[in-house]
Amino acid sequence: MSDSVAELFHQDGIRYFSKTAHPRMGGYRESSPLWRGTSKNKKKRLDYNHNRTTKEDAYRRLHANRVTYSHEYIGAGT
């Protein structure tokens, strides 16, 4: 499904980025010629680690050390 949505953006000339922490989804994109890893691919989310105190910030701090996959959809013709 994400390939289809990304392709619609790609056809309109819009760059499409996606991030996931799911190992299978990340693994699929790692091996797919349709996706290219970004500079933040397979890295810890250190930008999530800050000292604010809202509920959302607590959630981010909880996942700050979780490795995520970050890719750009490049399509079949690229």
PDB file of N, CA and C in Angstrom:
ATOM      1  N   MET A   1       0.825  -1.187   0.000  1.00  0.00           N
ATOM      2  CA  MET A   1       0.000   0.000   0.000  1.00  0.00           C
ATOM      3  C   MET A   1       0.875   1.258   0.000  1.00  0.00           C
ATOM      4  N   SER A   2       1.954   1.241   0.796  1.00  0.00           N
ATOM      5  CA  SER A   2       2.791   2.443   0.848  1.00  0.00           C
ATOM      6  C   SER A   2       3.475   2.693  -0.493  1.00  0.00           C
ATOM      7  N   ASP A   3       3.788   1.633  -1.230  1.00  0.00           N
ATOM      8  CA  ASP A   3       4.366   1.819  -2.568  1.00  0.00           C
ATOM      9  C   ASP A   3       3.378   2.538  -3.487  1.00  0.00           C
ATOM     10  N   SER A   4       2.115   2.163  -3.404  1.00  0.00           N
ATOM     11  CA  SER A   4       1.093   2.773  -4.258  1.00  0.00           C
ATOM     12  C   SER A   4       0.894   4.253  -3.938  1.00  0.00           C
ATOM     13  N   VAL A   5       0.815   4.566  -2.658  1.00  0.00           N
ATOM     14  CA  VAL A   5       0.653   5.967  -2.249  1.00  0.00           C
ATOM     15  C   VAL A   5       1.881   6.776  -2.662  1.00  0.00           C
ATOM     16  N   ALA A   6       3.059   6.220  -2.404  1.00  0.00           N
ATOM     17  CA  ALA A   6       4.296   6.914  -2.768  1.00  0.00           C
ATOM     18  C   ALA A   6       4.380   7.138  -4.269  1.00  0.00           C
ATOM     19  N   GLU A   7       3.932   6.175  -5.043  1.00  0.00           N
ATOM     20  CA  GLU A   7       3.967   6.307  -6.504  1.00  0.00           C
ATOM     21  C   GLU A   7       3.075   7.455  -6.977  1.00  0.00           C
ATOM     22  N   LEU A   8       1.931   7.642  -6.335  1.00  0.00           N
ATOM     23  CA  LEU A   8       1.053   8.759  -6.706  1.00  0.00           C
ATOM     24  C   LEU A   8       1.757  10.098  -6.498  1.00  0.00           C
ATOM     25  N   PHE A   9       2.433  10.256  -5.377  1.00  0.00           N
ATOM     26  CA  PHE A   9       3.200  11.476  -5.129  1.00  0.00           C
ATOM     27  C   PHE A   9       4.324  11.615  -6.155  1.00  0.00           C
ATOM     28  N   HIS A  10       5.009  10.508  -6.406  1.00  0.00           N
ATOM     29  CA  HIS A  10       6.138  10.509  -7.333  1.00  0.00           C
ATOM     30  C   HIS A  10       5.699  10.942  -8.743  1.00  0.00           C
ATOM     31  N   GLN A  11       4.555  10.463  -9.178  1.00  0.00           N
ATOM     32  CA  GLN A  11       4.029  10.828 -10.497  1.00  0.00           C
ATOM     33  C   GLN A  11       3.709  12.316 -10.594  1.00  0.00           C
ATOM     34  N   ASP A  12       3.378  12.925  -9.473  1.00  0.00           N
ATOM     35  CA  ASP A  12       3.087  14.360  -9.444  1.00  0.00           C
ATOM     36  C   ASP A  12       4.344  15.201  -9.217  1.00  0.00           C
ATOM     37  N   GLY A  13       5.502  14.545  -9.154  1.00  0.00           N
ATOM     38  CA  GLY A  13       6.754  15.266  -8.983  1.00  0.00           C
ATOM     39  C   GLY A  13       7.041  15.680  -7.549  1.00  0.00           C
ATOM     40  N   ILE A  14       6.375  15.039  -6.601  1.00  0.00           N
ATOM     41  CA  ILE A  14       6.546  15.369  -5.187  1.00  0.00           C
ATOM     42  C   ILE A  14       7.408  14.298  -4.527  1.00  0.00           C
ATOM     43  N   ARG A  15       8.449  14.716  -3.833  1.00  0.00           N
ATOM     44  CA  ARG A  15       9.300  13.756  -3.126  1.00  0.00           C
ATOM     45  C   ARG A  15       8.512  13.155  -1.964  1.00  0.00           C
ATOM     46  N   TYR A  16       8.667  11.846  -1.771  1.00  0.00           N
ATOM     47  CA  TYR A  16       7.915  11.140  -0.741  1.00  0.00           C
ATOM     48  C   TYR A  16       8.888  10.427   0.193  1.00  0.00           C
ATOM     49  N   PHE A  17       8.808  10.740   1.483  1.00  0.00           N
ATOM     50  CA  PHE A  17       9.663  10.141   2.505  1.00  0.00           C
ATOM     51  C   PHE A  17       8.786   9.366   3.474  1.00  0.00           C
ATOM     52  N   SER A  18       9.347   8.297   4.038  1.00  0.00           N
ATOM     53  CA  SER A  18       8.613   7.517   5.021  1.00  0.00           C
ATOM     54  C   SER A  18       9.568   6.962   6.063  1.00  0.00           C
ATOM     55  N   LYS A  19       9.080   6.901   7.300  1.00  0.00           N
ATOM     56  CA  LYS A  19       9.868   6.370   8.410  1.00  0.00           C
ATOM     57  C   LYS A  19       9.065   5.263   9.073  1.00  0.00           C
ATOM     58  N   THR A  20       9.747   4.182   9.443  1.00  0.00           N
ATOM     59  CA  THR A  20       9.106   3.093  10.164  1.00  0.00           C
ATOM     60  C   THR A  20      10.088   2.479  11.155  1.00  0.00           C
ATOM     61  N   ALA A  21       9.553   1.936  12.226  1.00  0.00           N
ATOM     62  CA  ALA A  21      10.365   1.178  13.175  1.00  0.00           C
ATOM     63  C   ALA A  21      10.092  -0.314  13.022  1.00  0.00           C
ATOM     64  N   HIS A  22       9.188  -0.659  12.122  1.00  0.00           N
ATOM     65  CA  HIS A  22       8.824  -2.065  11.936  1.00  0.00           C
ATOM     66  C   HIS A  22       9.920  -2.782  11.140  1.00  0.00           C
ATOM     67  N   PRO A  23      10.503  -3.836  11.700  1.00  0.00           N
ATOM     68  CA  PRO A  23      11.626  -4.511  11.036  1.00  0.00           C
ATOM     69  C   PRO A  23      11.305  -5.078   9.654  1.00  0.00           C
ATOM     70  N   ARG A  24      10.118  -5.633   9.471  1.00  0.00           N
ATOM     71  CA  ARG A  24       9.790  -6.189   8.142  1.00  0.00           C
ATOM     72  C   ARG A  24       9.584  -5.098   7.099  1.00  0.00           C
ATOM     73  N   MET A  25       8.904  -4.044   7.485  1.00  0.00           N
ATOM     74  CA  MET A  25       8.696  -2.934   6.548  1.00  0.00           C
ATOM     75  C   MET A  25      10.031  -2.301   6.193  1.00  0.00           C
ATOM     76  N   GLY A  26      10.865  -2.072   7.195  1.00  0.00           N
ATOM     77  CA  GLY A  26      12.185  -1.510   6.942  1.00  0.00           C
ATOM     78  C   GLY A  26      13.037  -2.426   6.092  1.00  0.00           C
ATOM     79  N   GLY A  27      12.980  -3.721   6.360  1.00  0.00           N
ATOM     80  CA  GLY A  27      13.729  -4.697   5.576  1.00  0.00           C
ATOM     81  C   GLY A  27      13.273  -4.749   4.133  1.00  0.00           C
ATOM     82  N   TYR A  28      11.963  -4.656   3.934  1.00  0.00           N
ATOM     83  CA  TYR A  28      11.427  -4.631   2.569  1.00  0.00           C
ATOM     84  C   TYR A  28      11.982  -3.428   1.797  1.00  0.00           C
ATOM     85  N   ARG A  29      11.926  -2.276   2.426  1.00  0.00           N
ATOM     86  CA  ARG A  29      12.406  -1.072   1.739  1.00  0.00           C
ATOM     87  C   ARG A  29      13.914  -1.110   1.524  1.00  0.00           C
ATOM     88  N   GLU A  30      14.649  -1.739   2.446  1.00  0.00           N
ATOM     89  CA  GLU A  30      16.091  -1.871   2.284  1.00  0.00           C
ATOM     90  C   GLU A  30      16.443  -2.669   1.028  1.00  0.00           C
ATOM     91  N   SER A  31      15.632  -3.670   0.718  1.00  0.00           N
ATOM     92  CA  SER A  31      15.934  -4.539  -0.419  1.00  0.00           C
ATOM     93  C   SER A  31      15.204  -4.141  -1.700  1.00  0.00           C
ATOM     94  N   SER A  32      14.296  -3.187  -1.612  1.00  0.00           N
ATOM     95  CA  SER A  32      13.507  -2.776  -2.781  1.00  0.00           C
ATOM     96  C   SER A  32      14.243  -1.736  -3.617  1.00  0.00           C
ATOM     97  N   PRO A  33      14.227  -1.897  -4.948  1.00  0.00           N
ATOM     98  CA  PRO A  33      14.826  -0.874  -5.810  1.00  0.00           C
ATOM     99  C   PRO A  33      13.980   0.404  -5.896  1.00  0.00           C
ATOM    100  N   LEU A  34      12.778   0.382  -5.323  1.00  0.00           N
ATOM    101  CA  LEU A  34      11.883   1.538  -5.354  1.00  0.00           C
ATOM    102  C   LEU A  34      12.200   2.559  -4.268  1.00  0.00           C
ATOM    103  N   TRP A  35      12.957   2.147  -3.256  1.00  0.00           N
ATOM    104  CA  TRP A  35      13.231   2.996  -2.096  1.00  0.00           C
ATOM    105  C   TRP A  35      14.720   3.177  -1.910  1.00  0.00           C
ATOM    106  N   ARG A  36      15.105   4.369  -1.420  1.00  0.00           N
ATOM    107  CA  ARG A  36      16.509   4.665  -1.111  1.00  0.00           C
ATOM    108  C   ARG A  36      16.575   5.160   0.330  1.00  0.00           C
ATOM    109  N   GLY A  37      17.519   4.615   1.097  1.00  0.00           N
ATOM    110  CA  GLY A  37      17.697   5.037   2.479  1.00  0.00           C
ATOM    111  C   GLY A  37      18.155   6.486   2.556  1.00  0.00           C
ATOM    112  N   THR A  38      17.690   7.193   3.570  1.00  0.00           N
ATOM    113  CA  THR A  38      18.107   8.585   3.774  1.00  0.00           C
ATOM    114  C   THR A  38      19.296   8.616   4.735  1.00  0.00           C
ATOM    115  N   SER A  39      19.770   9.803   5.026  1.00  0.00           N
ATOM    116  CA  SER A  39      20.909   9.942   5.943  1.00  0.00           C
ATOM    117  C   SER A  39      20.558   9.517   7.369  1.00  0.00           C
ATOM    118  N   LYS A  40      19.265   9.427   7.701  1.00  0.00           N
ATOM    119  CA  LYS A  40      18.847   9.016   9.041  1.00  0.00           C
ATOM    120  C   LYS A  40      18.420   7.551   9.095  1.00  0.00           C
ATOM    121  N   ASN A  41      18.626   6.833   8.010  1.00  0.00           N
ATOM    122  CA  ASN A  41      18.222   5.427   7.945  1.00  0.00           C
ATOM    123  C   ASN A  41      19.029   4.570   8.915  1.00  0.00           C
ATOM    124  N   LYS A  42      18.327   3.735   9.664  1.00  0.00           N
ATOM    125  CA  LYS A  42      18.906   2.786  10.623  1.00  0.00           C
ATOM    126  C   LYS A  42      19.731   3.465  11.717  1.00  0.00           C
ATOM    127  N   LYS A  43      19.268   4.629  12.141  1.00  0.00           N
ATOM    128  CA  LYS A  43      19.952   5.353  13.214  1.00  0.00           C
ATOM    129  C   LYS A  43      18.989   5.616  14.358  1.00  0.00           C
ATOM    130  N   LYS A  44      19.529   5.782  15.542  1.00  0.00           N
ATOM    131  CA  LYS A  44      18.712   6.135  16.700  1.00  0.00           C
ATOM    132  C   LYS A  44      18.162   7.539  16.518  1.00  0.00           C
ATOM    133  N   ARG A  45      16.996   7.793  17.080  1.00  0.00           N
ATOM    134  CA  ARG A  45      16.330   9.093  16.951  1.00  0.00           C
ATOM    135  C   ARG A  45      16.806  10.029  18.053  1.00  0.00           C
ATOM    136  N   LEU A  46      18.026  10.450  17.953  1.00  0.00           N
ATOM    137  CA  LEU A  46      18.598  11.309  18.988  1.00  0.00           C
ATOM    138  C   LEU A  46      17.902  12.660  19.074  1.00  0.00           C
ATOM    139  N   ASP A  47      17.268  13.096  17.975  1.00  0.00           N
ATOM    140  CA  ASP A  47      16.541  14.367  18.002  1.00  0.00           C
ATOM    141  C   ASP A  47      15.275  14.261  18.855  1.00  0.00           C
ATOM    142  N   TYR A  48      14.870  13.066  19.239  1.00  0.00           N
ATOM    143  CA  TYR A  48      13.718  12.875  20.114  1.00  0.00           C
ATOM    144  C   TYR A  48      14.096  13.043  21.582  1.00  0.00           C
ATOM    145  N   ASN A  49      15.354  13.076  21.885  1.00  0.00           N
ATOM    146  CA  ASN A  49      15.808  13.091  23.267  1.00  0.00           C
ATOM    147  C   ASN A  49      16.003  14.531  23.743  1.00  0.00           C
ATOM    148  N   HIS A  50      15.002  15.096  24.378  1.00  0.00           N
ATOM    149  CA  HIS A  50      15.103  16.459  24.891  1.00  0.00           C
ATOM    150  C   HIS A  50      14.420  16.544  26.247  1.00  0.00           C
ATOM    151  N   ASN A  51      14.429  17.682  26.846  1.00  0.00           N
ATOM    152  CA  ASN A  51      14.020  17.816  28.249  1.00  0.00           C
ATOM    153  C   ASN A  51      12.658  18.462  28.472  1.00  0.00           C
ATOM    154  N   ARG A  52      11.784  18.452  27.494  1.00  0.00           N
ATOM    155  CA  ARG A  52      10.467  19.027  27.715  1.00  0.00           C
ATOM    156  C   ARG A  52       9.589  18.039  28.471  1.00  0.00           C
ATOM    157  N   THR A  53       8.446  18.488  28.951  1.00  0.00           N
ATOM    158  CA  THR A  53       7.681  17.653  29.877  1.00  0.00           C
ATOM    159  C   THR A  53       6.232  17.399  29.470  1.00  0.00           C
ATOM    160  N   THR A  54       5.895  17.494  28.215  1.00  0.00           N
ATOM    161  CA  THR A  54       4.520  17.191  27.812  1.00  0.00           C
ATOM    162  C   THR A  54       4.350  15.678  27.671  1.00  0.00           C
ATOM    163  N   LYS A  55       3.132  15.235  27.563  1.00  0.00           N
ATOM    164  CA  LYS A  55       2.842  13.812  27.387  1.00  0.00           C
ATOM    165  C   LYS A  55       3.497  13.273  26.115  1.00  0.00           C
ATOM    166  N   GLU A  56       3.408  14.026  25.043  1.00  0.00           N
ATOM    167  CA  GLU A  56       4.008  13.609  23.780  1.00  0.00           C
ATOM    168  C   GLU A  56       5.531  13.516  23.892  1.00  0.00           C
ATOM    169  N   ASP A  57       6.130  14.435  24.623  1.00  0.00           N
ATOM    170  CA  ASP A  57       7.584  14.408  24.796  1.00  0.00           C
ATOM    171  C   ASP A  57       8.019  13.191  25.602  1.00  0.00           C
ATOM    172  N   ALA A  58       7.208  12.782  26.566  1.00  0.00           N
ATOM    173  CA  ALA A  58       7.527  11.573  27.330  1.00  0.00           C
ATOM    174  C   ALA A  58       7.528  10.357  26.412  1.00  0.00           C
ATOM    175  N   TYR A  59       6.574  10.295  25.495  1.00  0.00           N
ATOM    176  CA  TYR A  59       6.513   9.201  24.520  1.00  0.00           C
ATOM    177  C   TYR A  59       7.757   9.216  23.633  1.00  0.00           C
ATOM    178  N   ARG A  60       8.146  10.384  23.177  1.00  0.00           N
ATOM    179  CA  ARG A  60       9.343  10.486  22.337  1.00  0.00           C
ATOM    180  C   ARG A  60      10.599  10.053  23.086  1.00  0.00           C
ATOM    181  N   ARG A  61      10.723  10.477  24.343  1.00  0.00           N
ATOM    182  CA  ARG A  61      11.892  10.072  25.128  1.00  0.00           C
ATOM    183  C   ARG A  61      11.930   8.557  25.302  1.00  0.00           C
ATOM    184  N   LEU A  62      10.778   7.944  25.467  1.00  0.00           N
ATOM    185  CA  LEU A  62      10.687   6.501  25.621  1.00  0.00           C
ATOM    186  C   LEU A  62      11.259   5.781  24.396  1.00  0.00           C
ATOM    187  N   HIS A  63      11.078   6.363  23.218  1.00  0.00           N
ATOM    188  CA  HIS A  63      11.514   5.735  21.972  1.00  0.00           C
ATOM    189  C   HIS A  63      12.773   6.370  21.371  1.00  0.00           C
ATOM    190  N   ALA A  64      13.448   7.205  22.112  1.00  0.00           N
ATOM    191  CA  ALA A  64      14.610   7.926  21.574  1.00  0.00           C
ATOM    192  C   ALA A  64      15.725   6.999  21.127  1.00  0.00           C
ATOM    193  N   ASN A  65      15.885   5.863  21.768  1.00  0.00           N
ATOM    194  CA  ASN A  65      16.965   4.948  21.409  1.00  0.00           C
ATOM    195  C   ASN A  65      16.532   3.852  20.451  1.00  0.00           C
ATOM    196  N   ARG A  66      15.323   3.948  19.952  1.00  0.00           N
ATOM    197  CA  ARG A  66      14.810   2.953  19.014  1.00  0.00           C
ATOM    198  C   ARG A  66      15.330   3.267  17.607  1.00  0.00           C
ATOM    199  N   VAL A  67      15.890   2.252  16.966  1.00  0.00           N
ATOM    200  CA  VAL A  67      16.406   2.433  15.609  1.00  0.00           C
ATOM    201  C   VAL A  67      15.232   2.423  14.634  1.00  0.00           C
ATOM    202  N   THR A  68      15.236   3.350  13.702  1.00  0.00           N
ATOM    203  CA  THR A  68      14.175   3.419  12.701  1.00  0.00           C
ATOM    204  C   THR A  68      14.759   3.336  11.298  1.00  0.00           C
ATOM    205  N   TYR A  69      13.895   3.003  10.370  1.00  0.00           N
ATOM    206  CA  TYR A  69      14.239   2.984   8.954  1.00  0.00           C
ATOM    207  C   TYR A  69      13.638   4.236   8.325  1.00  0.00           C
ATOM    208  N   SER A  70      14.428   4.930   7.551  1.00  0.00           N
ATOM    209  CA  SER A  70      13.966   6.151   6.905  1.00  0.00           C
ATOM    210  C   SER A  70      14.353   6.097   5.430  1.00  0.00           C
ATOM    211  N   HIS A  71      13.332   6.174   4.557  1.00  0.00           N
ATOM    212  CA  HIS A  71      13.572   6.016   3.119  1.00  0.00           C
ATOM    213  C   HIS A  71      12.843   7.086   2.301  1.00  0.00           C
ATOM    214  N   GLU A  72      13.378   7.291   1.124  1.00  0.00           N
ATOM    215  CA  GLU A  72      12.717   8.116   0.105  1.00  0.00           C
ATOM    216  C   GLU A  72      12.306   7.205  -1.024  1.00  0.00           C
ATOM    217  N   TYR A  73      11.076   7.389  -1.492  1.00  0.00           N
ATOM    218  CA  TYR A  73      10.597   6.618  -2.636  1.00  0.00           C
ATOM    219  C   TYR A  73      11.199   7.226  -3.897  1.00  0.00           C
ATOM    220  N   ILE A  74      11.848   6.402  -4.708  1.00  0.00           N
ATOM    221  CA  ILE A  74      12.469   6.904  -5.934  1.00  0.00           C
ATOM    222  C   ILE A  74      11.818   6.344  -7.187  1.00  0.00           C
ATOM    223  N   GLY A  75      10.972   5.349  -7.055  1.00  0.00           N
ATOM    224  CA  GLY A  75      10.235   4.799  -8.186  1.00  0.00           C
ATOM    225  C   GLY A  75      11.064   3.837  -9.016  1.00  0.00           C
ATOM    226  N   ALA A  76      10.410   3.207  -9.980  1.00  0.00           N
ATOM    227  CA  ALA A  76      11.047   2.167 -10.787  1.00  0.00           C
ATOM    228  C   ALA A  76      11.981   2.718 -11.852  1.00  0.00           C
ATOM    229  N   GLY A  77      11.726   3.891 -12.341  1.00  0.00           N
ATOM    230  CA  GLY A  77      12.504   4.421 -13.448  1.00  0.00           C
ATOM    231  C   GLY A  77      13.750   5.181 -13.043  1.00  0.00           C
ATOM    232  N   THR A  78      14.083   5.210 -11.756  1.00  0.00           N
ATOM    233  CA  THR A  78      15.201   6.024 -11.290  1.00  0.00           C
ATOM    234  C   THR A  78      16.412   5.191 -11.024  1.00  0.00           C
TER     235      THR A  78
END
